[in-house]
């Protein structure tokens, strides 16, 4: 399936010059959403996966659906201060400053096979931080799943350079 027609582009959001790729329109179409989840699940069907780690916020939607299809657990990777129990965190760079992602200290067990899921890979900063965080907690990150890749920003290549398999469903040029 060609997913591009189901993804809305919003010019100049959140700032001038950015073409925001909005997957909520894909989520709202039952056929397209089902096809996207099925396509994301496919590379890991029959493979040992213990947990899906979804990156806040759209990664929760996709990750929950992928975890359900693969009969695995789900780990929310959240922004700082959003989880109620003891956490560990990993810092990453933003365009202007730094931010952090967190997981609960008991979210993964040593040796568990984990796949990271998010809606979009751009520069790869958040996904890179999520991988480092999960690995520091003892997990083995076996791959990453994204609906959208912005290849000009190099994020997918950054993740592949870590030796991780990256699956994307559609590419958009530019930012």
N, C-alpha and C. Protein backbone atom coordinates (compact mmCIF):
# COMPACT_ATOMS: atom_id res chain seq x y z
N UNK A 1 0.85 -1.19 0.00
CA UNK A 1 0.00 0.00 0.00
C UNK A 1 0.89 1.24 0.00
N UNK A 2 0.46 2.25 -0.73
CA UNK A 2 1.13 3.54 -0.72
C UNK A 2 0.54 4.35 0.44
N UNK A 3 1.36 4.63 1.44
CA UNK A 3 0.86 5.32 2.64
C UNK A 3 0.86 6.84 2.51
N UNK A 4 1.58 7.38 1.55
CA UNK A 4 1.68 8.85 1.42
C UNK A 4 0.34 9.56 1.34
N UNK A 5 -0.62 9.05 0.58
CA UNK A 5 -1.90 9.77 0.50
C UNK A 5 -2.64 9.86 1.84
N UNK A 6 -2.28 9.04 2.79
CA UNK A 6 -2.96 9.02 4.09
C UNK A 6 -2.24 9.88 5.14
N UNK A 7 -1.14 10.50 4.76
CA UNK A 7 -0.36 11.32 5.69
C UNK A 7 -0.50 12.78 5.28
N UNK A 8 -1.04 13.57 6.19
CA UNK A 8 -1.26 14.99 5.93
C UNK A 8 0.05 15.76 6.14
N UNK A 9 0.32 16.72 5.26
CA UNK A 9 1.47 17.59 5.42
C UNK A 9 0.97 18.97 5.83
N UNK A 10 1.54 19.48 6.93
CA UNK A 10 1.17 20.79 7.44
C UNK A 10 2.38 21.70 7.29
N UNK A 11 2.31 22.67 6.36
CA UNK A 11 3.46 23.55 6.15
C UNK A 11 3.68 24.50 7.33
N UNK A 12 4.97 24.79 7.57
CA UNK A 12 5.38 25.78 8.57
C UNK A 12 4.92 25.46 9.99
N UNK A 13 4.90 24.16 10.33
CA UNK A 13 4.56 23.74 11.69
C UNK A 13 5.64 22.79 12.18
N UNK A 14 6.17 22.96 13.36
CA UNK A 14 5.84 23.95 14.38
C UNK A 14 6.53 25.30 14.17
N UNK A 15 7.34 25.41 13.10
CA UNK A 15 7.94 26.72 12.79
C UNK A 15 8.12 26.83 11.28
N UNK A 16 8.34 28.03 10.83
CA UNK A 16 8.47 28.31 9.40
C UNK A 16 9.56 27.44 8.78
N UNK A 17 9.24 26.87 7.63
CA UNK A 17 10.20 26.05 6.90
C UNK A 17 10.08 24.56 7.16
N UNK A 18 9.34 24.17 8.18
CA UNK A 18 9.15 22.75 8.50
C UNK A 18 7.89 22.25 7.82
N UNK A 19 7.99 21.10 7.19
CA UNK A 19 6.83 20.43 6.62
C UNK A 19 6.46 19.30 7.59
N UNK A 20 5.48 19.52 8.45
CA UNK A 20 5.11 18.54 9.47
C UNK A 20 4.32 17.41 8.83
N UNK A 21 4.76 16.19 9.04
CA UNK A 21 4.09 15.00 8.50
C UNK A 21 3.19 14.42 9.58
N UNK A 22 1.90 14.57 9.38
CA UNK A 22 0.89 14.23 10.39
C UNK A 22 0.29 12.86 10.11
N UNK A 23 0.63 11.89 10.96
CA UNK A 23 0.13 10.52 10.78
C UNK A 23 -1.25 10.30 11.39
N UNK A 24 -1.81 11.31 12.06
CA UNK A 24 -3.14 11.10 12.65
C UNK A 24 -4.18 10.82 11.57
N UNK A 25 -3.97 11.32 10.36
CA UNK A 25 -4.90 11.02 9.27
C UNK A 25 -4.77 9.56 8.84
N UNK A 26 -3.57 9.01 8.89
CA UNK A 26 -3.37 7.59 8.61
C UNK A 26 -4.05 6.75 9.70
N UNK A 27 -3.86 7.16 10.97
CA UNK A 27 -4.49 6.44 12.08
C UNK A 27 -6.01 6.45 11.97
N UNK A 28 -6.57 7.52 11.42
CA UNK A 28 -8.01 7.66 11.33
C UNK A 28 -8.65 6.85 10.22
N UNK A 29 -7.84 6.30 9.33
CA UNK A 29 -8.37 5.48 8.24
C UNK A 29 -8.17 4.02 8.61
N UNK A 30 -9.23 3.28 8.86
CA UNK A 30 -9.08 1.90 9.36
C UNK A 30 -8.24 1.00 8.45
N UNK A 31 -8.44 1.11 7.15
CA UNK A 31 -7.71 0.27 6.20
C UNK A 31 -6.22 0.63 6.18
N UNK A 32 -5.93 1.91 6.13
CA UNK A 32 -4.53 2.36 6.09
C UNK A 32 -3.82 2.06 7.40
N UNK A 33 -4.51 2.29 8.52
CA UNK A 33 -3.89 2.03 9.83
C UNK A 33 -3.58 0.54 9.97
N UNK A 34 -4.54 -0.30 9.60
CA UNK A 34 -4.33 -1.75 9.68
C UNK A 34 -3.16 -2.18 8.79
N UNK A 35 -3.11 -1.65 7.57
CA UNK A 35 -2.03 -1.99 6.63
C UNK A 35 -0.68 -1.53 7.16
N UNK A 36 -0.63 -0.35 7.79
CA UNK A 36 0.63 0.16 8.35
C UNK A 36 1.11 -0.73 9.50
N UNK A 37 0.21 -1.08 10.40
CA UNK A 37 0.58 -1.95 11.52
C UNK A 37 1.04 -3.30 10.99
N UNK A 38 0.31 -3.87 10.04
CA UNK A 38 0.71 -5.16 9.46
C UNK A 38 2.10 -5.07 8.83
N UNK A 39 2.37 -3.99 8.12
CA UNK A 39 3.68 -3.81 7.48
C UNK A 39 4.79 -3.66 8.51
N UNK A 40 4.51 -3.00 9.63
CA UNK A 40 5.52 -2.84 10.68
C UNK A 40 5.77 -4.16 11.40
N UNK A 41 4.75 -4.95 11.58
CA UNK A 41 4.86 -6.24 12.26
C UNK A 41 5.65 -7.26 11.43
N UNK A 42 5.47 -7.21 10.13
CA UNK A 42 5.99 -8.24 9.22
C UNK A 42 7.46 -8.62 9.45
N UNK A 43 8.39 -7.67 9.59
CA UNK A 43 9.79 -8.08 9.75
C UNK A 43 10.08 -8.91 11.01
N UNK A 44 9.18 -8.85 11.99
CA UNK A 44 9.42 -9.53 13.25
C UNK A 44 8.46 -10.67 13.52
N UNK A 45 7.63 -11.01 12.55
CA UNK A 45 6.73 -12.16 12.69
C UNK A 45 7.58 -13.43 12.82
N UNK A 46 7.37 -14.18 13.88
CA UNK A 46 8.11 -15.41 14.09
C UNK A 46 9.49 -15.22 14.70
N UNK A 47 9.85 -13.99 15.04
CA UNK A 47 11.15 -13.68 15.64
C UNK A 47 10.93 -13.45 17.14
N UNK A 48 11.92 -13.83 17.94
CA UNK A 48 11.80 -13.60 19.39
C UNK A 48 11.86 -12.09 19.68
N UNK A 49 10.74 -11.56 20.10
CA UNK A 49 10.64 -10.18 20.56
C UNK A 49 9.94 -10.23 21.91
N UNK A 50 10.58 -9.66 22.92
CA UNK A 50 10.00 -9.68 24.26
C UNK A 50 9.18 -8.43 24.57
N UNK A 51 9.64 -7.30 24.02
CA UNK A 51 8.96 -6.03 24.30
C UNK A 51 9.04 -5.12 23.09
N UNK A 52 8.03 -4.30 22.95
CA UNK A 52 8.02 -3.18 22.02
C UNK A 52 8.15 -1.93 22.86
N UNK A 53 9.09 -1.06 22.49
CA UNK A 53 9.28 0.22 23.19
C UNK A 53 8.78 1.33 22.29
N UNK A 54 7.67 1.94 22.68
CA UNK A 54 7.07 3.03 21.90
C UNK A 54 7.50 4.37 22.44
N UNK A 55 7.95 5.24 21.53
CA UNK A 55 8.40 6.58 21.92
C UNK A 55 7.21 7.52 21.92
N UNK A 56 7.09 8.28 23.00
CA UNK A 56 6.01 9.26 23.17
C UNK A 56 5.95 10.21 21.98
N UNK A 57 4.81 10.52 21.47
CA UNK A 57 3.48 10.07 21.83
C UNK A 57 2.91 9.14 20.75
N UNK A 58 3.19 9.42 19.48
CA UNK A 58 2.59 8.60 18.43
C UNK A 58 3.16 7.19 18.42
N UNK A 59 4.36 7.03 18.95
CA UNK A 59 4.94 5.70 19.08
C UNK A 59 4.17 4.82 20.05
N UNK A 60 3.40 5.45 20.96
CA UNK A 60 2.54 4.67 21.85
C UNK A 60 1.42 4.00 21.04
N UNK A 61 0.83 4.75 20.13
CA UNK A 61 -0.28 4.23 19.33
C UNK A 61 0.21 3.07 18.45
N UNK A 62 1.27 3.33 17.71
CA UNK A 62 1.81 2.30 16.82
C UNK A 62 2.39 1.14 17.62
N UNK A 63 3.17 1.47 18.65
CA UNK A 63 3.82 0.44 19.45
C UNK A 63 2.84 -0.48 20.15
N UNK A 64 1.75 0.09 20.66
CA UNK A 64 0.72 -0.74 21.30
C UNK A 64 0.11 -1.72 20.33
N UNK A 65 -0.18 -1.25 19.12
CA UNK A 65 -0.77 -2.12 18.11
C UNK A 65 0.22 -3.20 17.66
N UNK A 66 1.49 -2.81 17.49
CA UNK A 66 2.52 -3.79 17.09
C UNK A 66 2.74 -4.82 18.20
N UNK A 67 2.79 -4.35 19.45
CA UNK A 67 2.96 -5.27 20.58
C UNK A 67 1.81 -6.27 20.64
N UNK A 68 0.60 -5.79 20.44
CA UNK A 68 -0.56 -6.67 20.44
C UNK A 68 -0.42 -7.74 19.36
N UNK A 69 -0.08 -7.33 18.15
CA UNK A 69 0.04 -8.27 17.04
C UNK A 69 1.15 -9.29 17.26
N UNK A 70 2.23 -8.88 17.92
CA UNK A 70 3.36 -9.80 18.16
C UNK A 70 3.25 -10.53 19.50
N UNK A 71 2.17 -10.26 20.25
CA UNK A 71 1.96 -10.87 21.57
C UNK A 71 3.14 -10.63 22.50
N UNK A 72 3.57 -9.36 22.56
CA UNK A 72 4.69 -8.98 23.43
C UNK A 72 4.23 -7.95 24.45
N UNK A 73 5.12 -7.63 25.37
CA UNK A 73 4.88 -6.53 26.29
C UNK A 73 5.16 -5.20 25.62
N UNK A 74 4.77 -4.12 26.30
CA UNK A 74 4.97 -2.77 25.79
C UNK A 74 5.67 -1.92 26.83
N UNK A 75 6.65 -1.13 26.39
CA UNK A 75 7.39 -0.21 27.26
C UNK A 75 7.18 1.21 26.75
N UNK A 76 6.60 2.09 27.57
CA UNK A 76 6.51 3.49 27.15
C UNK A 76 7.85 4.20 27.39
N UNK A 77 8.35 4.84 26.34
CA UNK A 77 9.54 5.69 26.45
C UNK A 77 9.01 7.11 26.48
N UNK A 78 9.12 7.75 27.66
CA UNK A 78 8.46 9.03 27.88
C UNK A 78 9.43 10.17 28.07
N UNK A 79 8.92 11.36 27.88
CA UNK A 79 9.69 12.56 28.19
C UNK A 79 9.83 12.68 29.70
N UNK A 80 10.83 13.42 30.12
CA UNK A 80 11.18 13.56 31.54
C UNK A 80 9.97 13.97 32.39
N UNK A 81 9.84 13.28 33.53
CA UNK A 81 8.85 13.66 34.52
C UNK A 81 7.45 13.12 34.31
N UNK A 82 7.24 12.24 33.36
CA UNK A 82 5.90 11.75 33.05
C UNK A 82 5.59 10.37 33.63
N UNK A 83 6.62 9.64 34.07
CA UNK A 83 6.41 8.29 34.60
C UNK A 83 6.32 8.33 36.13
N UNK A 84 5.41 7.55 36.73
CA UNK A 84 5.15 7.66 38.16
C UNK A 84 6.10 6.91 39.08
N UNK A 85 6.86 5.96 38.55
CA UNK A 85 7.72 5.13 39.39
C UNK A 85 9.18 5.55 39.18
N UNK A 86 10.11 4.87 39.83
CA UNK A 86 11.54 5.16 39.67
C UNK A 86 11.94 4.98 38.21
N UNK A 87 12.74 5.90 37.72
CA UNK A 87 13.11 5.88 36.31
C UNK A 87 14.63 5.95 36.11
N UNK A 88 15.03 5.60 34.90
CA UNK A 88 16.37 5.91 34.41
C UNK A 88 16.15 6.75 33.14
N UNK A 89 17.12 7.59 32.83
CA UNK A 89 16.92 8.49 31.71
C UNK A 89 18.16 8.55 30.82
N UNK A 90 17.94 9.08 29.63
CA UNK A 90 19.01 9.33 28.67
C UNK A 90 18.75 10.71 28.06
N UNK A 91 19.79 11.51 28.04
CA UNK A 91 19.69 12.86 27.50
C UNK A 91 19.99 12.86 26.00
N UNK A 92 19.38 13.77 25.27
CA UNK A 92 19.67 13.93 23.84
C UNK A 92 19.58 15.40 23.48
N UNK A 93 20.20 15.75 22.36
CA UNK A 93 20.25 17.13 21.91
C UNK A 93 19.02 17.51 21.10
N UNK A 94 18.56 18.72 21.36
CA UNK A 94 17.53 19.34 20.56
C UNK A 94 18.19 20.43 19.73
N UNK A 95 17.43 21.04 18.85
CA UNK A 95 17.99 22.12 18.03
C UNK A 95 18.53 23.23 18.93
N UNK A 96 17.79 23.54 20.00
CA UNK A 96 18.23 24.56 20.96
C UNK A 96 18.15 23.99 22.36
N UNK A 97 19.17 23.24 22.78
CA UNK A 97 19.20 22.71 24.13
C UNK A 97 19.20 21.19 24.17
N UNK A 98 18.71 20.66 25.29
CA UNK A 98 18.71 19.23 25.52
C UNK A 98 17.37 18.80 26.08
N UNK A 99 17.08 17.51 25.97
CA UNK A 99 15.88 16.94 26.58
C UNK A 99 16.26 15.54 27.05
N UNK A 100 15.30 14.85 27.67
CA UNK A 100 15.55 13.50 28.18
C UNK A 100 14.36 12.60 27.88
N UNK A 101 14.67 11.31 27.70
CA UNK A 101 13.63 10.29 27.68
C UNK A 101 13.87 9.36 28.86
N UNK A 102 12.80 8.77 29.35
CA UNK A 102 12.88 7.92 30.53
C UNK A 102 12.08 6.63 30.33
N UNK A 103 12.49 5.62 31.09
CA UNK A 103 11.71 4.39 31.25
C UNK A 103 11.75 4.04 32.73
N UNK A 104 10.80 3.23 33.18
CA UNK A 104 10.85 2.74 34.55
C UNK A 104 12.07 1.82 34.71
N UNK A 105 12.63 1.81 35.91
CA UNK A 105 13.83 1.00 36.17
C UNK A 105 13.59 -0.49 35.91
N UNK A 106 12.35 -0.93 36.02
CA UNK A 106 12.03 -2.35 35.82
C UNK A 106 11.28 -2.62 34.51
N UNK A 107 11.40 -1.70 33.55
CA UNK A 107 10.65 -1.82 32.29
C UNK A 107 11.12 -2.98 31.43
N UNK A 108 12.41 -3.26 31.47
CA UNK A 108 12.96 -4.39 30.71
C UNK A 108 13.87 -5.20 31.62
N UNK A 109 14.00 -6.46 31.28
CA UNK A 109 14.90 -7.35 32.01
C UNK A 109 16.15 -7.58 31.16
N UNK A 110 17.27 -7.83 31.81
CA UNK A 110 18.51 -8.08 31.04
C UNK A 110 18.31 -9.20 30.02
N UNK A 111 18.75 -8.94 28.80
CA UNK A 111 18.67 -9.93 27.74
C UNK A 111 17.39 -9.92 26.93
N UNK A 112 16.38 -9.16 27.36
CA UNK A 112 15.14 -9.11 26.59
C UNK A 112 15.39 -8.48 25.22
N UNK A 113 14.74 -9.03 24.21
CA UNK A 113 14.83 -8.52 22.85
C UNK A 113 13.74 -7.47 22.66
N UNK A 114 14.17 -6.27 22.27
CA UNK A 114 13.26 -5.13 22.19
C UNK A 114 13.34 -4.49 20.81
N UNK A 115 12.17 -4.05 20.32
CA UNK A 115 12.09 -3.27 19.09
C UNK A 115 11.54 -1.89 19.45
N UNK A 116 12.18 -0.85 18.96
CA UNK A 116 11.77 0.54 19.20
C UNK A 116 10.84 0.97 18.07
N UNK A 117 9.73 1.66 18.44
CA UNK A 117 8.73 2.09 17.47
C UNK A 117 8.42 3.57 17.66
N UNK A 118 8.35 4.30 16.53
CA UNK A 118 7.88 5.68 16.53
C UNK A 118 7.26 5.98 15.17
N UNK A 119 6.59 7.11 15.08
CA UNK A 119 5.93 7.44 13.82
C UNK A 119 6.91 7.93 12.76
N UNK A 120 7.98 8.61 13.18
CA UNK A 120 8.85 9.28 12.22
C UNK A 120 10.28 9.29 12.70
N UNK A 121 11.22 9.12 11.78
CA UNK A 121 12.64 9.27 12.09
C UNK A 121 13.15 10.45 11.26
N UNK A 122 13.70 11.44 11.96
CA UNK A 122 14.26 12.63 11.30
C UNK A 122 15.76 12.64 11.54
N UNK A 123 16.21 13.33 12.58
CA UNK A 123 17.65 13.36 12.90
C UNK A 123 18.08 12.12 13.68
N UNK A 124 17.12 11.43 14.28
CA UNK A 124 17.42 10.22 15.02
C UNK A 124 17.78 10.43 16.48
N UNK A 125 17.74 11.66 16.95
CA UNK A 125 18.15 11.94 18.33
C UNK A 125 17.33 11.21 19.38
N UNK A 126 16.02 11.24 19.26
CA UNK A 126 15.17 10.59 20.25
C UNK A 126 15.30 9.07 20.17
N UNK A 127 15.30 8.53 18.97
CA UNK A 127 15.44 7.08 18.81
C UNK A 127 16.80 6.61 19.33
N UNK A 128 17.86 7.36 19.03
CA UNK A 128 19.20 7.03 19.51
C UNK A 128 19.22 7.00 21.04
N UNK A 129 18.61 8.01 21.66
CA UNK A 129 18.55 8.06 23.13
C UNK A 129 17.74 6.89 23.68
N UNK A 130 16.63 6.54 23.04
CA UNK A 130 15.81 5.41 23.49
C UNK A 130 16.60 4.10 23.42
N UNK A 131 17.35 3.92 22.34
CA UNK A 131 18.17 2.71 22.19
C UNK A 131 19.21 2.64 23.30
N UNK A 132 19.93 3.73 23.51
CA UNK A 132 20.96 3.76 24.55
C UNK A 132 20.37 3.48 25.93
N UNK A 133 19.21 4.06 26.19
CA UNK A 133 18.53 3.87 27.48
C UNK A 133 18.13 2.42 27.68
N UNK A 134 17.52 1.82 26.68
CA UNK A 134 17.09 0.42 26.78
C UNK A 134 18.28 -0.51 26.94
N UNK A 135 19.34 -0.25 26.21
CA UNK A 135 20.54 -1.09 26.31
C UNK A 135 21.20 -0.93 27.68
N UNK A 136 21.20 0.28 28.20
CA UNK A 136 21.77 0.49 29.55
C UNK A 136 20.96 -0.27 30.60
N UNK A 137 19.67 -0.46 30.34
CA UNK A 137 18.81 -1.22 31.25
C UNK A 137 18.97 -2.73 31.06
N UNK A 138 19.77 -3.14 30.06
CA UNK A 138 20.04 -4.56 29.86
C UNK A 138 19.37 -5.20 28.67
N UNK A 139 18.53 -4.46 27.97
CA UNK A 139 17.82 -5.02 26.81
C UNK A 139 18.76 -5.13 25.61
N UNK A 140 18.38 -6.00 24.70
CA UNK A 140 19.05 -6.09 23.41
C UNK A 140 18.09 -5.50 22.38
N UNK A 141 18.41 -4.30 21.89
CA UNK A 141 17.56 -3.67 20.88
C UNK A 141 17.89 -4.30 19.54
N UNK A 142 16.90 -4.98 18.96
CA UNK A 142 17.13 -5.72 17.72
C UNK A 142 16.72 -4.95 16.48
N UNK A 143 15.97 -3.87 16.65
CA UNK A 143 15.58 -3.09 15.49
C UNK A 143 14.67 -1.94 15.85
N UNK A 144 14.37 -1.14 14.82
CA UNK A 144 13.51 0.03 14.98
C UNK A 144 12.52 0.08 13.83
N UNK A 145 11.29 0.51 14.14
CA UNK A 145 10.22 0.62 13.16
C UNK A 145 9.68 2.04 13.14
N UNK A 146 9.54 2.59 11.94
CA UNK A 146 9.01 3.94 11.76
C UNK A 146 8.08 3.93 10.56
N UNK A 147 7.01 4.69 10.61
CA UNK A 147 6.17 4.85 9.43
C UNK A 147 6.92 5.72 8.42
N UNK A 148 7.46 6.86 8.87
CA UNK A 148 8.05 7.85 7.98
C UNK A 148 9.55 8.00 8.23
N UNK A 149 10.30 8.11 7.14
CA UNK A 149 11.72 8.45 7.18
C UNK A 149 11.92 9.75 6.42
N UNK A 150 12.69 10.67 7.01
CA UNK A 150 13.14 11.87 6.32
C UNK A 150 14.63 11.66 6.06
N UNK A 151 14.98 10.96 4.97
CA UNK A 151 16.35 10.51 4.75
C UNK A 151 17.39 11.62 4.69
N UNK A 152 17.00 12.81 4.23
CA UNK A 152 17.95 13.92 4.15
C UNK A 152 18.49 14.33 5.53
N UNK A 153 17.75 14.01 6.60
CA UNK A 153 18.18 14.38 7.94
C UNK A 153 19.07 13.32 8.59
N UNK A 154 19.16 12.14 7.98
CA UNK A 154 20.15 11.15 8.37
C UNK A 154 19.88 10.30 9.59
N UNK A 155 18.71 10.39 10.17
CA UNK A 155 18.42 9.64 11.38
C UNK A 155 18.46 8.13 11.22
N UNK A 156 17.86 7.63 10.15
CA UNK A 156 17.85 6.17 9.93
C UNK A 156 19.27 5.65 9.76
N UNK A 157 20.10 6.40 9.04
CA UNK A 157 21.50 5.98 8.86
C UNK A 157 22.26 6.00 10.19
N UNK A 158 21.94 6.96 11.05
CA UNK A 158 22.57 7.05 12.37
C UNK A 158 22.24 5.80 13.19
N UNK A 159 21.00 5.33 13.10
CA UNK A 159 20.57 4.15 13.84
C UNK A 159 21.20 2.90 13.21
N UNK A 160 21.24 2.83 11.90
CA UNK A 160 21.88 1.69 11.23
C UNK A 160 23.37 1.61 11.59
N UNK A 161 24.01 2.75 11.78
CA UNK A 161 25.44 2.79 12.17
C UNK A 161 25.66 2.15 13.53
N UNK A 162 24.60 2.06 14.34
CA UNK A 162 24.68 1.36 15.63
C UNK A 162 24.53 -0.15 15.45
N UNK A 163 24.30 -0.59 14.21
CA UNK A 163 24.11 -2.00 13.93
C UNK A 163 22.67 -2.45 14.11
N UNK A 164 21.74 -1.51 14.11
CA UNK A 164 20.32 -1.82 14.30
C UNK A 164 19.60 -1.86 12.96
N UNK A 165 18.70 -2.83 12.81
CA UNK A 165 17.85 -2.90 11.63
C UNK A 165 16.81 -1.79 11.71
N UNK A 166 16.61 -1.07 10.61
CA UNK A 166 15.62 0.00 10.56
C UNK A 166 14.62 -0.31 9.45
N UNK A 167 13.33 -0.29 9.81
CA UNK A 167 12.26 -0.49 8.84
C UNK A 167 11.43 0.78 8.79
N UNK A 168 11.21 1.31 7.58
CA UNK A 168 10.34 2.46 7.39
C UNK A 168 9.35 2.12 6.28
N UNK A 169 8.21 2.78 6.29
CA UNK A 169 7.17 2.49 5.30
C UNK A 169 7.12 3.50 4.16
N UNK A 170 7.56 4.73 4.41
CA UNK A 170 7.47 5.79 3.41
C UNK A 170 8.56 6.82 3.68
N UNK A 171 9.05 7.45 2.60
CA UNK A 171 10.04 8.51 2.72
C UNK A 171 9.46 9.81 2.20
N UNK A 172 9.83 10.90 2.86
CA UNK A 172 9.50 12.24 2.38
C UNK A 172 10.79 13.02 2.26
N UNK A 173 10.90 13.81 1.20
CA UNK A 173 12.07 14.66 1.02
C UNK A 173 11.97 15.87 1.93
N UNK A 174 13.11 16.42 2.30
CA UNK A 174 13.14 17.64 3.11
C UNK A 174 12.85 17.38 4.56
N UNK A 175 12.51 18.48 5.24
CA UNK A 175 12.28 18.40 6.68
C UNK A 175 10.84 18.15 6.99
